[in-house]
Protein backbone atom coordinates (compact mmCIF):
# COMPACT_ATOMS: atom_id res chain seq x y z
CA MET A 1 0.02 0.05 -0.05
CA PRO A 2 1.23 3.59 -0.52
CA ILE A 3 3.93 4.98 1.69
CA VAL A 4 3.51 8.56 2.62
CA LEU A 5 6.11 10.27 4.73
CA PRO A 6 6.71 13.71 6.42
CA PHE A 7 9.91 15.50 5.49
CA ARG A 8 12.07 18.46 6.24
CA ALA A 9 10.87 20.70 3.53
CA VAL A 10 13.11 23.42 1.77
CA ARG A 11 11.10 26.60 1.92
CA PRO A 12 11.60 30.31 1.23
CA ALA A 13 13.54 31.60 4.18
CA GLY A 14 12.26 34.51 6.34
CA ALA A 15 9.17 35.02 4.21
CA ALA A 16 5.84 35.25 6.23
CA ASP A 17 4.43 36.49 3.04
CA PRO A 18 6.17 34.57 0.15
CA SER A 19 3.79 36.01 -2.59
CA PRO A 20 6.55 37.28 -4.84
CA ARG A 21 8.38 34.00 -4.63
CA LEU A 22 5.46 31.78 -5.79
CA SER A 23 4.63 30.51 -9.16
CA PRO A 24 2.00 28.41 -11.05
CA PRO A 25 3.30 25.06 -12.32
CA TYR A 26 5.16 24.93 -15.69
CA ASP A 27 2.28 23.85 -17.81
CA VAL A 28 0.02 26.86 -17.24
CA ILE A 29 2.54 29.62 -17.51
CA SER A 30 2.26 31.86 -20.52
CA PRO A 31 5.28 33.71 -21.81
CA GLU A 32 3.80 36.98 -20.61
CA GLU A 33 3.17 35.57 -17.10
CA ARG A 34 6.73 34.13 -16.95
CA ALA A 35 8.22 37.54 -17.75
CA ARG A 36 6.12 39.20 -15.01
CA LEU A 37 7.09 36.47 -12.32
CA ALA A 38 10.74 36.46 -13.33
CA VAL A 39 11.09 40.24 -12.27
CA ASP A 40 11.50 38.85 -8.75
CA PRO A 41 14.96 37.27 -8.65
CA PHE A 42 13.77 34.65 -6.09
CA ASN A 43 10.53 33.63 -7.87
CA ALA A 44 10.14 29.82 -8.23
CA VAL A 45 9.56 30.32 -11.98
CA HIS A 46 13.36 30.62 -12.37
CA LEU A 47 13.50 26.82 -11.28
CA GLU A 48 10.14 25.62 -12.59
CA LEU A 49 10.36 27.01 -15.96
CA PRO A 50 13.99 28.21 -16.51
CA ALA A 51 15.10 30.52 -19.29
CA ASP A 52 17.90 29.69 -21.65
CA ASP A 53 21.27 30.68 -20.21
CA ALA A 54 23.21 31.60 -23.34
CA GLY A 55 26.82 30.38 -23.42
CA ALA A 56 26.61 28.63 -20.08
CA GLY A 57 24.84 25.32 -20.69
CA SER A 58 21.22 24.27 -20.98
CA ARG A 59 18.31 25.97 -19.18
CA TYR A 60 18.11 22.85 -16.90
CA GLN A 61 21.66 23.49 -15.74
CA ALA A 62 20.73 27.18 -15.30
CA ALA A 63 17.99 25.96 -12.88
CA ARG A 64 20.55 23.92 -10.97
CA ARG A 65 22.86 26.93 -10.61
CA THR A 66 19.94 29.07 -9.45
CA LEU A 67 18.87 26.56 -6.91
CA ASP A 68 22.47 26.12 -5.63
CA SER A 69 22.82 29.89 -5.24
CA TRP A 70 19.49 30.26 -3.27
CA LEU A 71 20.50 27.47 -0.95
CA ALA A 72 24.02 28.84 -0.45
CA GLY A 73 22.75 32.52 0.02
CA GLY A 74 20.04 31.59 2.44
CA ALA A 75 16.99 32.41 0.11
CA LEU A 76 15.91 28.87 0.69
CA ALA A 77 16.32 26.86 3.95
CA ARG A 78 15.41 23.34 5.14
CA ASP A 79 13.13 23.05 8.18
CA ALA A 80 14.58 21.72 11.43
CA ALA A 81 12.23 18.77 11.83
CA PRO A 82 10.30 16.53 9.47
CA SER A 83 6.54 17.46 9.16
CA PHE A 84 3.45 17.30 7.04
CA TYR A 85 2.29 20.76 5.95
CA ALA A 86 -1.31 21.67 5.95
CA TYR A 87 -2.18 23.82 2.95
CA GLU A 88 -5.23 25.92 2.00
CA GLN A 89 -6.32 27.68 -1.19
CA ARG A 90 -9.13 30.27 -1.12
CA PHE A 91 -10.33 31.17 -4.61
CA THR A 92 -13.40 32.37 -6.48
CA HIS A 93 -14.93 30.56 -9.35
CA GLY A 94 -18.35 31.39 -11.02
CA GLY A 95 -18.92 34.09 -8.59
CA ARG A 96 -18.62 31.72 -5.54
CA GLU A 97 -15.87 31.66 -3.00
CA ARG A 98 -14.37 28.22 -2.45
CA VAL A 99 -11.77 26.80 -0.10
CA ARG A 100 -9.71 23.74 -0.90
CA ARG A 101 -7.63 22.12 1.79
CA GLY A 102 -4.86 19.51 1.58
CA PHE A 103 -1.38 18.88 2.91
CA PHE A 104 2.11 18.41 1.48
CA GLY A 105 4.20 15.28 2.10
CA LEU A 106 6.30 12.75 0.24
CA LEU A 107 4.85 9.84 -1.73
CA GLU A 108 6.89 6.69 -2.41
CA LEU A 109 7.48 6.24 -6.10
CA ARG A 110 5.92 3.03 -7.50
CA PRO A 111 4.63 2.27 -10.97
CA PHE A 112 1.04 3.19 -11.41
CA GLY A 113 -1.27 0.38 -10.50
CA GLU A 114 1.28 -0.93 -7.84
CA GLY A 115 1.68 0.01 -4.31
CA GLY A 116 -1.79 1.59 -4.05
CA VAL A 117 -1.09 4.45 -6.44
CA PHE A 118 -3.33 5.00 -9.46
CA ALA A 119 -3.40 7.19 -12.46
CA HIS A 120 -6.49 8.42 -14.09
CA GLU A 121 -5.22 9.63 -17.48
CA LYS A 122 -2.62 8.99 -20.08
CA THR A 123 0.45 11.18 -20.63
CA LEU A 124 2.17 13.10 -23.34
CA ASP A 125 5.81 12.47 -24.49
CA ALA A 126 7.25 15.99 -24.64
CA PRO A 127 6.30 17.15 -21.18
CA LYS A 128 7.81 13.92 -19.60
CA GLU A 129 11.11 14.46 -21.32
CA ASP A 130 11.08 18.04 -20.26
CA ARG A 131 10.26 17.30 -16.57
CA PHE A 132 12.86 14.41 -16.51
CA ARG A 133 15.69 16.62 -17.67
CA LEU A 134 14.85 19.29 -15.10
CA LEU A 135 14.70 16.71 -12.37
CA GLU A 136 17.99 15.12 -13.44
CA ALA A 137 19.72 18.52 -13.38
CA THR A 138 18.23 19.96 -10.15
CA ARG A 139 17.75 16.70 -8.12
CA THR A 140 14.78 18.36 -6.72
CA ASN A 141 11.02 17.97 -6.89
CA LEU A 142 10.12 21.56 -7.57
CA SER A 143 6.32 21.20 -7.80
CA PRO A 144 4.10 18.69 -6.17
CA VAL A 145 1.89 16.10 -7.80
CA PHE A 146 -1.76 16.27 -6.76
CA VAL A 147 -3.23 13.16 -5.10
CA LEU A 148 -6.73 12.35 -3.92
CA TYR A 149 -7.40 10.23 -0.81
CA GLU A 150 -10.36 9.27 1.37
CA ASP A 151 -10.77 9.92 5.09
CA ASP A 152 -14.01 8.29 6.13
CA GLN A 153 -13.19 8.56 9.80
CA GLY A 154 -11.94 12.09 9.57
CA ALA A 155 -8.71 11.42 11.25
CA VAL A 156 -6.60 13.32 8.68
CA ARG A 157 -9.10 16.12 8.52
CA ALA A 158 -8.89 16.57 12.33
CA ALA A 159 -5.11 16.75 12.20
CA THR A 160 -4.96 19.34 9.42
CA ASP A 161 -7.81 21.38 10.92
CA ALA A 162 -5.89 21.47 14.32
CA ALA A 163 -2.84 22.79 12.31
CA ARG A 164 -4.85 25.51 10.61
CA ALA A 165 -6.20 26.69 13.98
CA CYS A 166 -2.58 27.66 14.84
CA LYS A 167 -0.38 30.41 13.59
CA PRO A 168 0.62 29.71 9.89
CA LEU A 169 4.14 29.38 8.70
CA ALA A 170 3.22 31.77 5.89
CA ARG A 171 0.32 33.32 4.00
CA ALA A 172 0.39 34.60 0.40
CA LYS A 173 -1.78 36.09 -2.32
CA THR A 174 -1.61 34.35 -5.69
CA ALA A 175 -3.37 34.90 -9.10
CA GLU A 176 -6.10 32.57 -7.90
CA GLY A 177 -6.71 34.06 -4.44
CA GLU A 178 -5.21 33.66 -0.94
CA GLU A 179 -3.20 30.57 0.35
CA GLY A 180 -1.61 29.49 3.63
CA LEU A 181 0.83 26.89 4.97
CA TRP A 182 1.00 25.32 8.45
CA ALA A 183 3.24 22.76 10.02
CA ILE A 184 1.18 19.75 11.35
CA GLU A 185 1.95 18.65 14.89
CA SER A 186 4.37 15.70 15.08
CA GLY A 187 1.84 13.81 17.18
CA ASP A 188 -0.50 13.67 14.19
CA THR A 189 2.12 12.50 11.80
CA ASP A 190 1.67 8.79 12.53
CA THR A 191 -2.04 9.14 12.09
CA ILE A 192 -1.74 10.66 8.66
CA ALA A 193 0.85 8.24 7.40
CA ARG A 194 -1.23 5.24 8.66
CA THR A 195 -4.43 6.44 7.19
CA LEU A 196 -3.02 6.95 3.73
CA ARG A 197 -1.17 3.68 3.88
CA SER A 198 -4.51 1.75 4.19
CA GLN A 199 -5.98 2.82 0.87
CA ALA A 200 -5.65 3.34 -2.87
CA LEU A 201 -4.51 6.95 -3.75
CA VAL A 202 -5.60 8.45 -7.02
CA PHE A 203 -3.67 11.14 -9.02
CA ALA A 204 -5.64 14.24 -9.82
CA ASP A 205 -2.80 16.09 -11.55
CA GLY A 206 1.03 15.63 -12.12
CA HIS A 207 1.08 12.44 -14.11
CA HIS A 208 3.91 13.68 -16.25
CA ARG A 209 6.02 14.72 -13.25
CA TYR A 210 5.46 11.47 -11.54
CA GLU A 211 6.33 9.29 -14.56
CA SER A 212 9.49 11.47 -14.93
CA ALA A 213 10.35 10.89 -11.32
CA LEU A 214 9.96 7.09 -11.80
CA ARG A 215 12.37 7.16 -14.68
CA TYR A 216 14.82 9.26 -12.64
CA ARG A 217 14.48 6.88 -9.63
CA ALA A 218 15.26 3.93 -11.88
CA GLN A 219 18.37 5.69 -13.17
CA ARG A 220 19.64 6.61 -9.80
CA ARG A 221 18.99 3.06 -8.53
CA ALA A 222 20.96 1.61 -11.49
CA GLU A 223 23.83 4.03 -10.64
CA GLU A 224 23.72 3.17 -6.97
CA PRO A 225 22.64 -0.46 -6.74
CA ASP A 226 23.93 -0.82 -3.18
CA ALA A 227 22.33 2.37 -1.78
CA PRO A 228 20.03 1.54 1.20
CA TYR A 229 16.37 2.17 1.05
CA PRO A 230 14.85 4.74 1.38
CA GLN A 231 16.77 7.43 -0.46
CA ALA A 232 15.33 10.80 -1.25
CA TYR A 233 14.79 9.99 -4.94
CA ASP A 234 12.59 7.03 -3.88
CA PHE A 235 9.93 9.72 -3.02
CA MET A 236 8.04 12.42 -4.79
CA LEU A 237 6.74 15.74 -3.42
CA ALA A 238 2.96 15.52 -3.34
CA CYS A 239 -0.13 17.70 -2.30
CA PHE A 240 -2.80 15.31 -0.87
CA VAL A 241 -6.51 16.49 -1.02
CA GLU A 242 -9.53 14.50 0.38
CA ALA A 243 -11.61 13.41 -2.48
CA SER A 244 -14.84 14.77 -0.75
CA ASP A 245 -13.27 18.14 0.03
CA PRO A 246 -15.98 20.70 -0.73
CA GLY A 247 -13.44 22.98 -2.63
CA LEU A 248 -12.45 20.18 -5.10
CA LEU A 249 -13.32 21.63 -8.54
CA VAL A 250 -12.90 19.84 -11.88
CA LEU A 251 -13.17 21.67 -15.16
CA PRO A 252 -13.05 20.27 -18.71
CA THR A 253 -10.12 20.49 -21.20
CA HIS A 254 -11.43 21.15 -24.72
CA ARG A 255 -9.83 19.86 -27.88
CA VAL A 256 -8.83 21.71 -31.10
CA VAL A 257 -8.05 19.35 -33.97
CA ARG A 258 -5.37 20.71 -36.40
CA GLY A 259 -3.37 19.69 -39.56
CA LEU A 260 -5.90 17.34 -41.12
CA PRO A 261 -7.35 17.72 -44.60
CA PRO A 262 -10.42 20.08 -44.38
CA PHE A 263 -13.71 18.43 -43.32
CA THR A 264 -17.17 19.53 -42.60
CA MET A 265 -19.66 18.36 -39.94
CA ALA A 266 -21.49 16.44 -42.57
CA ASP A 267 -18.17 14.49 -43.38
CA ILE A 268 -17.93 13.58 -39.64
CA ALA A 269 -21.56 12.65 -39.50
CA ALA A 270 -21.27 10.33 -42.51
CA LYS A 271 -18.30 8.49 -40.98
CA LEU A 272 -20.07 8.09 -37.70
CA ASP A 273 -23.10 6.46 -39.56
CA GLY A 274 -25.71 7.37 -37.01
CA THR A 275 -23.71 6.56 -33.84
CA PHE A 276 -24.25 9.96 -32.46
CA ARG A 277 -27.48 12.10 -32.69
CA LEU A 278 -26.45 15.59 -34.01
CA GLU A 279 -28.32 18.66 -33.05
CA GLY A 280 -27.76 22.15 -34.64
CA LEU A 281 -27.21 24.75 -32.00
CA GLY A 282 -27.32 27.88 -34.23
CA ASP A 283 -24.97 30.27 -36.02
CA CYS A 284 -22.43 31.99 -33.89
CA ILE A 285 -19.67 34.26 -35.13
CA ASP A 286 -18.55 35.62 -31.77
CA PRO A 287 -16.66 33.07 -29.67
CA SER A 288 -18.35 34.13 -26.45
CA CYS A 289 -21.73 33.45 -28.09
CA ALA A 290 -20.56 30.05 -29.19
CA ALA A 291 -19.32 29.26 -25.63
CA TRP A 292 -22.55 30.29 -24.18
CA ARG A 293 -24.69 28.10 -26.43
CA ALA A 294 -22.28 25.17 -25.90
CA GLU A 295 -22.48 25.61 -22.15
CA ALA A 296 -26.31 25.61 -22.23
CA PHE A 297 -26.37 22.44 -24.41
CA LEU A 298 -23.81 20.58 -22.27
CA ALA A 299 -25.79 21.64 -18.98
CA ASN A 300 -28.82 20.00 -20.49
CA HIS A 301 -26.69 16.82 -21.49
CA PRO A 302 -24.37 16.06 -18.49
CA ALA A 303 -23.27 12.81 -19.90
CA GLY A 304 -22.63 11.21 -23.38
CA ALA A 305 -22.42 14.57 -25.12
CA PHE A 306 -20.09 17.29 -26.46
CA VAL A 307 -20.20 20.24 -28.88
CA ALA A 308 -18.28 20.70 -32.20
CA ILE A 309 -17.55 23.50 -34.67
CA THR A 310 -15.45 23.30 -37.75
CA ALA A 311 -13.08 25.90 -39.16
CA ASN A 312 -15.14 26.45 -42.30
CA GLU A 313 -18.64 26.51 -40.75
CA ARG A 314 -20.28 28.86 -38.31
CA VAL A 315 -23.00 26.57 -37.01
CA LEU A 316 -22.33 24.65 -33.73
CA SER A 317 -23.39 21.05 -33.48
CA GLY A 318 -24.25 19.15 -30.42
CA PHE A 319 -23.31 15.38 -30.31
CA VAL A 320 -25.32 12.99 -28.18
CA LEU A 321 -24.57 9.29 -27.79
CA ASP A 322 -27.58 7.20 -26.73
CA PRO A 323 -26.55 4.78 -23.95
CA HIS A 324 -28.43 1.99 -25.89
CA VAL A 325 -26.15 2.61 -28.87
CA ARG A 326 -22.98 2.69 -26.84
CA ASP A 327 -22.28 -0.99 -26.62
CA LYS A 328 -22.64 -1.41 -30.38
CA ALA A 329 -20.44 1.61 -31.05
CA PHE A 330 -17.56 0.15 -28.95
CA GLN A 331 -17.79 -3.38 -30.40
CA GLY A 332 -14.49 -4.47 -31.73
CA ARG A 333 -12.60 -1.74 -29.91
CA ASP A 334 -10.17 -2.47 -27.10
CA VAL A 335 -11.82 -0.09 -24.63
CA PRO A 336 -12.43 -1.27 -21.06
CA GLN A 337 -15.97 -1.18 -19.84
CA ALA A 338 -15.14 1.39 -17.16
CA LEU A 339 -14.12 3.87 -19.80
CA GLN A 340 -16.93 3.48 -22.30
CA ALA A 341 -19.29 5.69 -20.30
CA LEU A 342 -16.93 8.69 -20.31
CA ASP A 343 -17.55 11.61 -22.78
CA VAL A 344 -14.00 12.20 -23.35
CA VAL A 345 -13.37 8.43 -24.40
CA GLN A 346 -16.34 8.48 -26.70
CA LEU A 347 -14.89 11.64 -28.29
CA HIS A 348 -11.39 10.22 -28.67
CA GLU A 349 -12.29 6.66 -29.60
CA LEU A 350 -15.34 7.17 -31.85
CA VAL A 351 -14.70 10.68 -33.34
CA LEU A 352 -11.01 11.53 -33.22
CA GLY A 353 -9.94 8.04 -33.82
CA GLY A 354 -12.77 6.42 -35.64
CA ALA A 355 -13.85 9.19 -37.90
CA LEU A 356 -10.73 11.42 -38.20
CA GLY A 357 -8.00 8.79 -38.02
CA ILE A 358 -6.14 10.38 -35.02
CA THR A 359 -4.34 7.43 -33.57
CA PRO A 360 -3.15 6.99 -29.86
CA GLU A 361 0.31 7.38 -31.09
CA LYS A 362 -0.59 10.74 -32.72
CA LEU A 363 -2.26 11.86 -29.55
CA SER A 364 0.78 10.95 -27.36
CA ALA A 365 2.92 12.90 -29.77
CA GLN A 366 0.59 15.95 -29.81
CA SER A 367 0.81 16.00 -33.60
CA HIS A 368 -2.90 16.97 -34.35
CA VAL A 369 -4.59 17.91 -31.06
CA GLU A 370 -4.02 20.85 -28.72
CA TYR A 371 -5.70 21.17 -25.41
CA VAL A 372 -7.46 24.40 -24.40
CA LYS A 373 -8.96 25.34 -21.00
CA SER A 374 -11.57 27.94 -22.18
CA MET A 375 -14.47 27.27 -24.50
CA SER A 376 -14.24 30.69 -26.19
CA ASP A 377 -10.49 30.29 -26.58
CA ALA A 378 -11.09 26.93 -28.29
CA VAL A 379 -13.54 28.49 -30.70
CA SER A 380 -11.22 31.32 -31.36
CA ALA A 381 -8.34 28.95 -32.10
CA VAL A 382 -10.38 27.28 -34.77
CA ARG A 383 -10.89 30.77 -36.29
CA GLY A 384 -7.22 31.46 -36.43
CA GLY A 385 -6.92 33.03 -33.00
CA GLY A 386 -3.74 31.25 -31.67
CA ALA A 387 -2.79 28.01 -29.97
CA GLY A 388 -3.90 26.53 -26.69
CA ALA A 389 -2.22 25.96 -23.30
CA VAL A 390 -0.92 22.57 -24.37
CA ALA A 391 -0.31 22.57 -28.11
CA GLY A 392 2.85 20.67 -28.88
CA ALA A 393 3.57 20.36 -32.63
CA ALA A 394 -0.15 20.79 -33.39
CA GLY A 395 -0.08 24.37 -32.46
CA ALA A 396 1.64 25.44 -35.67
CA LEU A 397 -0.84 23.70 -37.92
CA ALA A 398 -3.99 24.95 -39.53
CA PRO A 399 -7.17 24.43 -37.38
CA ASN A 400 -9.92 22.04 -38.46
CA ALA A 401 -12.31 21.87 -35.50
CA ALA A 402 -13.04 22.45 -31.91
CA PHE A 403 -14.66 19.99 -29.58
CA LEU A 404 -16.15 21.34 -26.40
CA MET A 405 -16.59 19.13 -23.35
CA ASN A 406 -18.31 18.70 -19.96
CA ALA A 407 -16.13 18.17 -17.07
CA THR A 408 -15.38 14.67 -15.86
CA PRO A 409 -16.95 14.10 -12.28
CA VAL A 410 -14.55 13.31 -9.51
CA ALA A 411 -16.55 9.99 -8.84
CA GLN A 412 -15.69 8.79 -12.43
CA VAL A 413 -12.02 9.88 -11.99
CA LEU A 414 -11.79 7.64 -8.84
CA GLU A 415 -13.78 4.75 -10.44
CA VAL A 416 -11.62 4.66 -13.57
CA ALA A 417 -8.32 5.01 -11.77
CA ARG A 418 -9.07 2.27 -9.19
CA ALA A 419 -10.07 -0.12 -12.14
CA ASN A 420 -6.53 0.53 -13.19
CA VAL A 421 -7.29 1.89 -16.63
CA ARG A 422 -6.67 5.43 -17.84
CA MET A 423 -8.72 8.06 -19.65
CA PRO A 424 -7.21 10.03 -22.65
CA GLN A 425 -4.67 12.74 -22.02
CA LYS A 426 -5.89 15.90 -20.45
CA SER A 427 -9.23 14.57 -19.51
CA THR A 428 -9.51 16.80 -16.34
CA TYR A 429 -8.43 20.14 -15.14
CA PHE A 430 -8.47 20.58 -11.42
CA LEU A 431 -8.71 24.24 -10.52
CA PRO A 432 -6.82 25.83 -9.08
CA LYS A 433 -3.42 24.22 -9.74
CA ILE A 434 -1.20 23.62 -6.81
CA THR A 435 1.10 26.62 -6.41
CA THR A 436 4.84 25.95 -6.92
CA GLY A 437 7.23 27.37 -4.31
CA TRP A 438 5.64 26.62 -0.96
CA THR A 439 7.78 23.53 -0.29
CA PHE A 440 10.55 21.90 -2.31
CA HIS A 441 11.89 18.34 -2.02
CA VAL A 442 15.61 18.73 -2.50
CA HIS A 443 17.20 15.24 -2.73
CA GLY A 444 19.75 15.36 0.06
CA ALA A 445 20.96 12.45 2.22
CA PRO A 446 18.26 10.59 4.15
CA SER A 447 19.38 12.25 7.33
CA GLU A 448 18.89 15.69 5.69
CA VAL A 449 15.35 14.90 4.31
CA TRP A 450 14.00 12.99 7.33
CA GLY A 451 16.30 13.91 10.26
CA GLU A 452 18.59 11.92 12.46
CA GLY A 453 16.86 9.01 14.08
CA ALA A 454 13.96 8.95 11.69
CA GLN A 455 14.09 5.20 11.68
CA SER A 456 12.69 5.08 15.28
CA HIS A 457 9.29 6.74 14.19
CA ALA A 458 6.18 4.78 13.53
CA TRP A 459 5.89 6.46 10.12
CA TRP A 460 9.24 5.14 8.86
CA PRO A 461 8.76 2.52 6.07
CA ALA A 462 9.12 -0.98 7.52
CA GLN A 463 10.11 -2.93 4.42
CA VAL A 464 12.13 -2.37 1.22
CA PRO A 465 9.96 -2.41 -1.89
CA SER A 466 10.55 -5.20 -4.47
CA ALA A 467 11.42 -2.75 -7.23
């Protein structure tokens, strides 16, 4: 079962308000935002998304030099004792204030599906290579993965609530709202570690970072076959959030198809041969109008539906898959039963793959699909308005169509992951992202990471993993 440990975090030193030093994770930072964040010489963006260092090696080595200088100069410092760290994000979405609570700790690295750790979506090639090279250079987990757990007895909730009732280590304002960090009392550490060790943990976000860390761990273990367990690189920095937390918010990620021969909605319908019922949603020139109509349609069709618009047509079309047709539509396709009810799987398998010929290999390489957070941005992209947040090679190609989605409910995320199968890439968007810079897991010696005498604590791992 999963091993979750406290640690001596490396944090911004002497900063009761570390706002200028915090950054979003790498995959949501635009060039303009990076330039704004980088004005502060100690902002985490210099590590998380390093700039090229002309004449002095790669940008990954530049991040290593920056980290070393911050540690040597005292901008970052390691805490005196191992701890879990309670974390809170206050933000507004849809005119409503929300609070999402969790905690930072270390998660043992085991392949997905083993050791009680499960993924819910597939990954892309380019981000994994980028994060691996950064980890290899810095030997530090800079931003945490985002993991869901369950707490039926409320033991973890009681421990984190008790910490938040005390003075925080720091508070900060971010682009999303207000955040805070607290050290959890050592007496509650065993309870947290024991509770999470008894269940299956599900990834919400950070699959690319985790798989990169697995690759790095394997490399280090090959280099140091006699190194005792555990070493710092056997663990990954993680933020753990209870699956029933009222502030847990999942948004959809929309798809823009690019670089295919031009096609119309009629062409798609002909290839689908009646699998979906198509419904015209009207003529919209303005992207915000199109988004409004799409949202209204999807609100009335919370499952088995999505909306599409092509580059050469102005009419939006709603797609609906009748559950009675679904079994027939997936006949002959190697798609596990747990996935067939998901809108995003129906889109990828039946439309992107079946009708448009975009194979899983092309999806992994990002050769024809970009991923966009905003409906109106997706519609704008189809009309030549730029690339999305995760575009890859597809971003430079001519647009064909946008496909607008409902969000995947948390219950479906948990169900799919625990069945040990994965949704397509970018099936979910948990808002807000976990902010980078609150805690770092710098891969020092075990005594540095966990303190002298850690082996005497009940939370210390009792056995060496088989791999």
